Amino acid sequence: AASPPAAAPAPQRSGLDEAAVQQLCDMGFPRPEVERCLAAAFGNADRAVEYLTGGIPQGLRATQAQTVGGGGAPQPPAGGADGSPFPAL
């Protein structure tokens, strides 16, 4: 007898890593806030926890606000991907 096909992974409606979203939600954070902080942290779950507990830095809020409704994934601020004002060499 043929076994049923494996279920496809759930679609990522936010474009974020669903495992990271679920992990942070399992820690007790509300999903909309998790998605917002993960987006501001460019998918870095450790940094998203910092944002969830201490707030998103003001400069990133402006960057995030520019990407809302823009249809694309948030882009790192100008300079280095780690938030430094200097690009990586």
C-alpha atoms as a PDB file:
ATOM      1  CA  ALA A   1       0.000   0.000   0.000  1.00  0.00           C
ATOM      2  CA  ALA A   2       1.219   3.475  -0.834  1.00  0.00           C
ATOM      3  CA  SER A   3       1.810   5.793   2.065  1.00  0.00           C
ATOM      4  CA  PRO A   4       0.257   9.258   1.948  1.00  0.00           C
ATOM      5  CA  PRO A   5       2.558  12.018   0.720  1.00  0.00           C
ATOM      6  CA  ALA A   6       4.457  13.906   3.383  1.00  0.00           C
ATOM      7  CA  ALA A   7       2.845  17.157   4.413  1.00  0.00           C
ATOM      8  CA  ALA A   8       4.501  20.216   2.966  1.00  0.00           C
ATOM      9  CA  PRO A   9       5.941  22.650   5.485  1.00  0.00           C
ATOM     10  CA  ALA A  10       3.592  25.458   6.452  1.00  0.00           C
ATOM     11  CA  PRO A  11       4.054  28.501   4.220  1.00  0.00           C
ATOM     12  CA  GLN A  12       5.967  31.358   5.764  1.00  0.00           C
ATOM     13  CA  ARG A  13       3.498  34.195   5.603  1.00  0.00           C
ATOM     14  CA  SER A  14       5.955  36.679   7.097  1.00  0.00           C
ATOM     15  CA  GLY A  15       9.063  35.569   5.206  1.00  0.00           C
ATOM     16  CA  LEU A  16      10.707  34.831   8.565  1.00  0.00           C
ATOM     17  CA  ASP A  17      12.120  31.527   9.792  1.00  0.00           C
ATOM     18  CA  GLU A  18       9.017  29.809  11.185  1.00  0.00           C
ATOM     19  CA  ALA A  19      11.112  27.731  13.599  1.00  0.00           C
ATOM     20  CA  ALA A  20      12.581  30.907  15.110  1.00  0.00           C
ATOM     21  CA  VAL A  21       9.132  32.516  15.299  1.00  0.00           C
ATOM     22  CA  GLN A  22       7.714  29.458  17.052  1.00  0.00           C
ATOM     23  CA  GLN A  23      10.667  29.223  19.435  1.00  0.00           C
ATOM     24  CA  LEU A  24      10.195  32.833  20.552  1.00  0.00           C
ATOM     25  CA  CYS A  25       6.419  32.398  20.822  1.00  0.00           C
ATOM     26  CA  ASP A  26       7.053  29.312  22.992  1.00  0.00           C
ATOM     27  CA  MET A  27       9.045  31.600  25.291  1.00  0.00           C
ATOM     28  CA  GLY A  28       5.830  33.535  25.886  1.00  0.00           C
ATOM     29  CA  PHE A  29       6.174  36.461  23.496  1.00  0.00           C
ATOM     30  CA  PRO A  30       3.130  37.387  21.348  1.00  0.00           C
ATOM     31  CA  ARG A  31       3.501  36.381  17.683  1.00  0.00           C
ATOM     32  CA  PRO A  32       2.989  39.889  16.168  1.00  0.00           C
ATOM     33  CA  GLU A  33       5.703  41.280  18.438  1.00  0.00           C
ATOM     34  CA  VAL A  34       7.998  38.326  17.653  1.00  0.00           C
ATOM     35  CA  GLU A  35       7.558  38.871  13.915  1.00  0.00           C
ATOM     36  CA  ARG A  36       8.206  42.601  14.261  1.00  0.00           C
ATOM     37  CA  CYS A  37      11.352  42.106  16.347  1.00  0.00           C
ATOM     38  CA  LEU A  38      12.691  39.296  14.150  1.00  0.00           C
ATOM     39  CA  ALA A  39      12.216  41.501  11.094  1.00  0.00           C
ATOM     40  CA  ALA A  40      14.044  44.365  12.819  1.00  0.00           C
ATOM     41  CA  ALA A  41      16.814  41.916  13.777  1.00  0.00           C
ATOM     42  CA  PHE A  42      17.100  40.702  10.162  1.00  0.00           C
ATOM     43  CA  GLY A  43      16.155  37.173  11.241  1.00  0.00           C
ATOM     44  CA  ASN A  44      18.700  36.955  14.089  1.00  0.00           C
ATOM     45  CA  ALA A  45      16.745  35.249  16.904  1.00  0.00           C
ATOM     46  CA  ASP A  46      19.254  36.220  19.615  1.00  0.00           C
ATOM     47  CA  ARG A  47      19.019  39.886  18.686  1.00  0.00           C
ATOM     48  CA  ALA A  48      15.232  39.611  18.407  1.00  0.00           C
ATOM     49  CA  VAL A  49      15.130  38.484  22.050  1.00  0.00           C
ATOM     50  CA  GLU A  50      17.080  41.616  22.964  1.00  0.00           C
ATOM     51  CA  TYR A  51      14.520  43.702  21.078  1.00  0.00           C
ATOM     52  CA  LEU A  52      11.613  41.820  22.673  1.00  0.00           C
ATOM     53  CA  THR A  53      12.941  42.482  26.169  1.00  0.00           C
ATOM     54  CA  GLY A  54      14.498  45.921  25.723  1.00  0.00           C
ATOM     55  CA  GLY A  55      12.771  47.440  22.722  1.00  0.00           C
ATOM     56  CA  ILE A  56      13.831  48.016  19.146  1.00  0.00           C
ATOM     57  CA  PRO A  57      16.462  50.776  18.848  1.00  0.00           C
ATOM     58  CA  GLN A  58      15.076  54.041  17.469  1.00  0.00           C
ATOM     59  CA  GLY A  59      17.210  53.970  14.306  1.00  0.00           C
ATOM     60  CA  LEU A  60      15.926  50.523  13.391  1.00  0.00           C
ATOM     61  CA  ARG A  61      12.327  51.588  13.958  1.00  0.00           C
ATOM     62  CA  ALA A  62      12.735  54.212  11.239  1.00  0.00           C
ATOM     63  CA  THR A  63      14.298  51.639   8.894  1.00  0.00           C
ATOM     64  CA  GLN A  64      11.527  49.168   9.654  1.00  0.00           C
ATOM     65  CA  ALA A  65       8.812  51.794   9.107  1.00  0.00           C
ATOM     66  CA  GLN A  66      10.240  52.508   5.649  1.00  0.00           C
ATOM     67  CA  THR A  67       9.974  48.831   4.700  1.00  0.00           C
ATOM     68  CA  VAL A  68       6.371  48.410   5.884  1.00  0.00           C
ATOM     69  CA  GLY A  69       4.204  48.237   2.805  1.00  0.00           C
ATOM     70  CA  GLY A  70       7.286  48.241   0.604  1.00  0.00           C
ATOM     71  CA  GLY A  71       6.743  44.622  -0.345  1.00  0.00           C
ATOM     72  CA  GLY A  72      10.327  43.577   0.283  1.00  0.00           C
ATOM     73  CA  ALA A  73      12.260  42.120   3.156  1.00  0.00           C
ATOM     74  CA  PRO A  74      13.836  44.668   5.481  1.00  0.00           C
ATOM     75  CA  GLN A  75      17.302  45.702   4.434  1.00  0.00           C
ATOM     76  CA  PRO A  76      20.182  46.235   6.841  1.00  0.00           C
ATOM     77  CA  PRO A  77      20.941  49.877   7.551  1.00  0.00           C
ATOM     78  CA  ALA A  78      23.698  51.512   5.518  1.00  0.00           C
ATOM     79  CA  GLY A  79      27.109  50.388   6.650  1.00  0.00           C
ATOM     80  CA  GLY A  80      27.858  46.992   8.110  1.00  0.00           C
ATOM     81  CA  ALA A  81      25.263  44.248   8.425  1.00  0.00           C
ATOM     82  CA  ASP A  82      25.958  44.214  12.167  1.00  0.00           C
ATOM     83  CA  GLY A  83      24.626  47.758  12.477  1.00  0.00           C
ATOM     84  CA  SER A  84      28.031  49.422  12.595  1.00  0.00           C
ATOM     85  CA  PRO A  85      28.394  52.590  10.522  1.00  0.00           C
ATOM     86  CA  PHE A  86      31.210  50.984   8.555  1.00  0.00           C
ATOM     87  CA  PRO A  87      30.785  48.488   5.714  1.00  0.00           C
ATOM     88  CA  ALA A  88      32.543  45.145   6.009  1.00  0.00           C
ATOM     89  CA  LEU A  89      35.887  44.936   4.264  1.00  0.00           C
END
